[in-house]
């Protein structure tokens, strides 16, 4: 008896480079298994699949999420900075500019 396979894509992107690999996997394969089977870590050895956040078409999913034919598993890079902290710092700089402009 042959195993049914499906085609999915595995995607990873850096600011200057991105890859989308098509991979044939068995039905019932999880997002993490699909990422592993794609061998994308050969091109991007910095990927830590055991700790990476995964998504399907822009929505974060559990690594154990079973993929369906035609889906794209996305491997997300860790954030470089906390977005909340970045917004706070930007707001503080804007307040400082306004305050210094008012004093002139």
C-alpha atoms as a PDB file:
ATOM      1  CA  UNK A   1       0.000   0.000   0.000  1.00  0.00           C
ATOM      2  CA  UNK A   2       1.435   3.395  -0.964  1.00  0.00           C
ATOM      3  CA  UNK A   3       1.332   6.396   1.298  1.00  0.00           C
ATOM      4  CA  UNK A   4      -0.671   9.409   0.088  1.00  0.00           C
ATOM      5  CA  UNK A   5       1.482  12.488  -0.307  1.00  0.00           C
ATOM      6  CA  UNK A   6       0.656  16.170  -0.553  1.00  0.00           C
ATOM      7  CA  UNK A   7       2.633  19.180  -1.710  1.00  0.00           C
ATOM      8  CA  UNK A   8       3.320  22.040   0.699  1.00  0.00           C
ATOM      9  CA  UNK A   9       5.731  24.961   0.676  1.00  0.00           C
ATOM     10  CA  UNK A  10       8.195  25.906   3.386  1.00  0.00           C
ATOM     11  CA  UNK A  11       9.226  29.568   3.496  1.00  0.00           C
ATOM     12  CA  UNK A  12      11.929  31.511   5.320  1.00  0.00           C
ATOM     13  CA  UNK A  13      12.966  35.103   4.737  1.00  0.00           C
ATOM     14  CA  UNK A  14      15.763  37.440   5.696  1.00  0.00           C
ATOM     15  CA  UNK A  15      15.695  41.159   4.868  1.00  0.00           C
ATOM     16  CA  UNK A  16      17.831  40.573   1.753  1.00  0.00           C
ATOM     17  CA  UNK A  17      16.971  36.984   0.812  1.00  0.00           C
ATOM     18  CA  UNK A  18      14.003  34.632   0.906  1.00  0.00           C
ATOM     19  CA  UNK A  19      13.363  31.024   0.033  1.00  0.00           C
ATOM     20  CA  UNK A  20      10.206  29.088  -0.656  1.00  0.00           C
ATOM     21  CA  UNK A  21      10.783  25.379  -1.033  1.00  0.00           C
ATOM     22  CA  UNK A  22       8.184  22.978  -2.370  1.00  0.00           C
ATOM     23  CA  UNK A  23       8.178  19.648  -0.570  1.00  0.00           C
ATOM     24  CA  UNK A  24       6.230  16.414  -0.887  1.00  0.00           C
ATOM     25  CA  UNK A  25       5.122  15.109   2.511  1.00  0.00           C
ATOM     26  CA  UNK A  26       2.886  12.322   3.730  1.00  0.00           C
ATOM     27  CA  UNK A  27      -0.671  13.184   4.666  1.00  0.00           C
ATOM     28  CA  UNK A  28      -0.782  13.849   8.403  1.00  0.00           C
ATOM     29  CA  UNK A  29       2.621  15.577   8.460  1.00  0.00           C
ATOM     30  CA  UNK A  30       2.969  18.389  10.984  1.00  0.00           C
ATOM     31  CA  UNK A  31       4.259  21.892  10.268  1.00  0.00           C
ATOM     32  CA  UNK A  32       7.512  21.109  12.085  1.00  0.00           C
ATOM     33  CA  UNK A  33       7.991  17.838  10.222  1.00  0.00           C
ATOM     34  CA  UNK A  34       7.386  19.586   6.894  1.00  0.00           C
ATOM     35  CA  UNK A  35       9.990  22.224   7.790  1.00  0.00           C
ATOM     36  CA  UNK A  36      12.476  19.491   8.690  1.00  0.00           C
ATOM     37  CA  UNK A  37      11.766  17.501   5.531  1.00  0.00           C
ATOM     38  CA  UNK A  38      12.314  20.583   3.373  1.00  0.00           C
ATOM     39  CA  UNK A  39      15.990  20.668   4.474  1.00  0.00           C
ATOM     40  CA  UNK A  40      15.756  24.469   4.584  1.00  0.00           C
ATOM     41  CA  UNK A  41      18.316  24.481   7.405  1.00  0.00           C
ATOM     42  CA  UNK A  42      20.936  23.478   4.831  1.00  0.00           C
ATOM     43  CA  UNK A  43      20.522  26.909   3.232  1.00  0.00           C
ATOM     44  CA  UNK A  44      19.938  28.724   6.547  1.00  0.00           C
ATOM     45  CA  UNK A  45      21.928  26.983   9.294  1.00  0.00           C
ATOM     46  CA  UNK A  46      20.952  29.709  11.785  1.00  0.00           C
ATOM     47  CA  UNK A  47      17.377  28.369  11.896  1.00  0.00           C
ATOM     48  CA  UNK A  48      16.595  26.607  15.169  1.00  0.00           C
ATOM     49  CA  UNK A  49      13.540  24.606  14.173  1.00  0.00           C
ATOM     50  CA  UNK A  50      13.041  23.304  17.703  1.00  0.00           C
ATOM     51  CA  UNK A  51      12.458  26.850  18.977  1.00  0.00           C
ATOM     52  CA  UNK A  52      11.264  28.724  15.889  1.00  0.00           C
ATOM     53  CA  UNK A  53       7.739  30.065  15.625  1.00  0.00           C
ATOM     54  CA  UNK A  54       5.893  28.565  12.680  1.00  0.00           C
ATOM     55  CA  UNK A  55       2.931  29.842  10.762  1.00  0.00           C
ATOM     56  CA  UNK A  56       0.690  28.916   7.889  1.00  0.00           C
ATOM     57  CA  UNK A  57      -0.173  31.784   5.557  1.00  0.00           C
ATOM     58  CA  UNK A  58       0.661  34.435   8.163  1.00  0.00           C
ATOM     59  CA  UNK A  59      -1.030  32.868  11.193  1.00  0.00           C
ATOM     60  CA  UNK A  60       1.098  31.381  13.948  1.00  0.00           C
ATOM     61  CA  UNK A  61       0.389  27.688  14.452  1.00  0.00           C
ATOM     62  CA  UNK A  62       1.576  24.979  16.798  1.00  0.00           C
ATOM     63  CA  UNK A  63       4.497  22.926  15.472  1.00  0.00           C
ATOM     64  CA  UNK A  64       2.155  19.932  15.759  1.00  0.00           C
ATOM     65  CA  UNK A  65      -0.419  21.494  13.402  1.00  0.00           C
ATOM     66  CA  UNK A  66      -1.100  19.047  10.570  1.00  0.00           C
ATOM     67  CA  UNK A  67      -0.532  20.648   7.176  1.00  0.00           C
ATOM     68  CA  UNK A  68      -2.864  20.365   4.230  1.00  0.00           C
ATOM     69  CA  UNK A  69      -2.108  20.264   0.526  1.00  0.00           C
ATOM     70  CA  UNK A  70      -1.112  23.647  -0.891  1.00  0.00           C
ATOM     71  CA  UNK A  71      -0.343  25.289   2.441  1.00  0.00           C
ATOM     72  CA  UNK A  72       2.792  27.343   3.045  1.00  0.00           C
ATOM     73  CA  UNK A  73       4.619  26.720   6.314  1.00  0.00           C
ATOM     74  CA  UNK A  74       6.461  29.887   7.330  1.00  0.00           C
ATOM     75  CA  UNK A  75       9.419  29.895   9.675  1.00  0.00           C
ATOM     76  CA  UNK A  76       9.603  33.156  11.597  1.00  0.00           C
ATOM     77  CA  UNK A  77      12.823  34.775  12.770  1.00  0.00           C
ATOM     78  CA  UNK A  78      13.042  35.948  16.371  1.00  0.00           C
ATOM     79  CA  UNK A  79      12.268  39.627  16.880  1.00  0.00           C
ATOM     80  CA  UNK A  80      15.299  41.888  17.151  1.00  0.00           C
ATOM     81  CA  UNK A  81      13.463  44.285  19.465  1.00  0.00           C
ATOM     82  CA  UNK A  82      10.234  44.255  21.435  1.00  0.00           C
ATOM     83  CA  UNK A  83       7.709  46.250  19.351  1.00  0.00           C
ATOM     84  CA  UNK A  84       6.179  47.791  22.476  1.00  0.00           C
ATOM     85  CA  UNK A  85       9.561  49.098  23.604  1.00  0.00           C
ATOM     86  CA  UNK A  86      10.278  50.489  20.132  1.00  0.00           C
ATOM     87  CA  UNK A  87       6.952  52.381  20.130  1.00  0.00           C
ATOM     88  CA  UNK A  88       7.624  53.751  23.638  1.00  0.00           C
ATOM     89  CA  UNK A  89      11.054  54.995  22.617  1.00  0.00           C
ATOM     90  CA  UNK A  90       9.651  56.608  19.449  1.00  0.00           C
ATOM     91  CA  UNK A  91       6.938  58.351  21.460  1.00  0.00           C
ATOM     92  CA  UNK A  92       9.501  59.594  24.002  1.00  0.00           C
ATOM     93  CA  UNK A  93      11.676  61.035  21.210  1.00  0.00           C
ATOM     94  CA  UNK A  94       8.631  62.761  19.692  1.00  0.00           C
ATOM     95  CA  UNK A  95       7.750  64.283  23.083  1.00  0.00           C
ATOM     96  CA  UNK A  96      11.334  65.523  23.481  1.00  0.00           C
ATOM     97  CA  UNK A  97      11.265  67.133  20.017  1.00  0.00           C
ATOM     98  CA  UNK A  98       7.967  68.854  20.761  1.00  0.00           C
ATOM     99  CA  UNK A  99       9.212  70.058  24.165  1.00  0.00           C
ATOM    100  CA  UNK A 100      12.457  71.438  22.725  1.00  0.00           C
ATOM    101  CA  UNK A 101      10.555  73.144  19.884  1.00  0.00           C
ATOM    102  CA  UNK A 102       8.188  74.834  22.335  1.00  0.00           C
ATOM    103  CA  UNK A 103      11.051  76.199  24.435  1.00  0.00           C
ATOM    104  CA  UNK A 104      12.824  77.880  21.492  1.00  0.00           C
END
